[in-house]
Amino acid sequence: MKIDKNIPIPERSLKQGSKYKFLHDLEIMDSFWVETTAQACQVQSYAHRTTNIKLTQRADGTGRRLWRVK
């Protein structure tokens, strides 16, 4: 193994594209459908943690529908 000295540590890169970046395109009362309650909870939790977007969810057929409410 070769040892290198005085190599600077690069800056951290921001994660390129979240799978939830579509949330920023939602307007109030826009909705989307997911297959499972677990998926709905994941999206809702992400929105709560990382944005000022508030979502509500309801059962819709065989899945869950989420609406942007704020």
C-alpha atoms as a PDB file:
ATOM      1  CA  MET A   1       0.000   0.000   0.000  1.00  0.00           C
ATOM      2  CA  LYS A   2       1.419   3.389  -0.978  1.00  0.00           C
ATOM      3  CA  ILE A   3       0.991   6.176   1.580  1.00  0.00           C
ATOM      4  CA  ASP A   4       0.237   9.662   0.227  1.00  0.00           C
ATOM      5  CA  LYS A   5       0.856  12.794   2.266  1.00  0.00           C
ATOM      6  CA  ASN A   6      -0.571  16.322   2.048  1.00  0.00           C
ATOM      7  CA  ILE A   7      -3.566  15.396  -0.107  1.00  0.00           C
ATOM      8  CA  PRO A   8      -6.444  17.778   0.782  1.00  0.00           C
ATOM      9  CA  ILE A   9      -9.837  16.313   1.587  1.00  0.00           C
ATOM     10  CA  PRO A  10     -12.372  17.418  -1.044  1.00  0.00           C
ATOM     11  CA  GLU A  11     -15.496  19.253   0.029  1.00  0.00           C
ATOM     12  CA  ARG A  12     -18.562  17.093   0.531  1.00  0.00           C
ATOM     13  CA  SER A  13     -20.814  17.104  -2.471  1.00  0.00           C
ATOM     14  CA  LEU A  14     -24.506  17.586  -1.967  1.00  0.00           C
ATOM     15  CA  LYS A  15     -26.622  14.591  -2.761  1.00  0.00           C
ATOM     16  CA  GLN A  16     -27.605  14.890  -6.393  1.00  0.00           C
ATOM     17  CA  GLY A  17     -31.365  14.772  -6.623  1.00  0.00           C
ATOM     18  CA  SER A  18     -33.625  13.354  -3.998  1.00  0.00           C
ATOM     19  CA  LYS A  19     -36.245  10.859  -5.023  1.00  0.00           C
ATOM     20  CA  TYR A  20     -38.699  13.289  -3.390  1.00  0.00           C
ATOM     21  CA  LYS A  21     -37.644  16.428  -5.289  1.00  0.00           C
ATOM     22  CA  PHE A  22     -41.076  16.439  -6.954  1.00  0.00           C
ATOM     23  CA  LEU A  23     -42.493  17.724  -3.645  1.00  0.00           C
ATOM     24  CA  HIS A  24     -41.218  21.206  -4.518  1.00  0.00           C
ATOM     25  CA  ASP A  25     -43.386  21.188  -7.656  1.00  0.00           C
ATOM     26  CA  LEU A  26     -46.590  20.548  -5.693  1.00  0.00           C
ATOM     27  CA  GLU A  27     -48.988  23.411  -5.209  1.00  0.00           C
ATOM     28  CA  ILE A  28     -51.472  23.496  -2.348  1.00  0.00           C
ATOM     29  CA  MET A  29     -54.204  20.849  -2.862  1.00  0.00           C
ATOM     30  CA  ASP A  30     -52.142  18.955  -5.473  1.00  0.00           C
ATOM     31  CA  SER A  31     -52.035  15.234  -4.695  1.00  0.00           C
ATOM     32  CA  PHE A  32     -50.178  12.073  -5.614  1.00  0.00           C
ATOM     33  CA  TRP A  33     -50.729   8.360  -5.026  1.00  0.00           C
ATOM     34  CA  VAL A  34     -48.401   5.751  -3.505  1.00  0.00           C
ATOM     35  CA  GLU A  35     -48.887   2.007  -3.140  1.00  0.00           C
ATOM     36  CA  THR A  36     -48.354   1.478   0.583  1.00  0.00           C
ATOM     37  CA  THR A  37     -48.865   3.176   3.919  1.00  0.00           C
ATOM     38  CA  ALA A  38     -45.141   2.794   4.550  1.00  0.00           C
ATOM     39  CA  GLN A  39     -44.311   4.765   1.389  1.00  0.00           C
ATOM     40  CA  ALA A  40     -46.808   7.465   2.352  1.00  0.00           C
ATOM     41  CA  CYS A  41     -45.268   7.770   5.815  1.00  0.00           C
ATOM     42  CA  GLN A  42     -41.759   7.975   4.356  1.00  0.00           C
ATOM     43  CA  VAL A  43     -42.693  10.809   1.994  1.00  0.00           C
ATOM     44  CA  GLN A  44     -44.631  12.647   4.678  1.00  0.00           C
ATOM     45  CA  SER A  45     -41.754  12.298   7.147  1.00  0.00           C
ATOM     46  CA  TYR A  46     -39.214  13.533   4.559  1.00  0.00           C
ATOM     47  CA  ALA A  47     -41.363  16.567   3.751  1.00  0.00           C
ATOM     48  CA  HIS A  48     -41.755  17.393   7.442  1.00  0.00           C
ATOM     49  CA  ARG A  49     -38.008  17.029   8.180  1.00  0.00           C
ATOM     50  CA  THR A  50     -36.534  18.836   5.203  1.00  0.00           C
ATOM     51  CA  THR A  51     -39.051  21.340   3.832  1.00  0.00           C
ATOM     52  CA  ASN A  52     -41.839  23.655   4.914  1.00  0.00           C
ATOM     53  CA  ILE A  53     -44.299  21.440   3.008  1.00  0.00           C
ATOM     54  CA  LYS A  54     -47.122  19.834   4.969  1.00  0.00           C
ATOM     55  CA  LEU A  55     -48.904  16.755   3.625  1.00  0.00           C
ATOM     56  CA  THR A  56     -51.963  14.833   4.680  1.00  0.00           C
ATOM     57  CA  GLN A  57     -52.828  11.305   3.570  1.00  0.00           C
ATOM     58  CA  ARG A  58     -55.932   9.165   3.156  1.00  0.00           C
ATOM     59  CA  ALA A  59     -56.674   5.649   1.937  1.00  0.00           C
ATOM     60  CA  ASP A  60     -57.438   5.639  -1.781  1.00  0.00           C
ATOM     61  CA  GLY A  61     -58.367   2.346  -3.398  1.00  0.00           C
ATOM     62  CA  THR A  62     -55.494  -0.066  -2.863  1.00  0.00           C
ATOM     63  CA  GLY A  63     -52.976   2.610  -1.829  1.00  0.00           C
ATOM     64  CA  ARG A  64     -52.646   6.001  -0.185  1.00  0.00           C
ATOM     65  CA  ARG A  65     -53.160   9.474  -1.613  1.00  0.00           C
ATOM     66  CA  LEU A  66     -51.231  12.439  -0.199  1.00  0.00           C
ATOM     67  CA  TRP A  67     -52.226  16.094  -0.580  1.00  0.00           C
ATOM     68  CA  ARG A  68     -50.130  19.169  -0.015  1.00  0.00           C
ATOM     69  CA  VAL A  69     -51.975  21.297   2.524  1.00  0.00           C
ATOM     70  CA  LYS A  70     -49.329  23.952   3.299  1.00  0.00           C
END
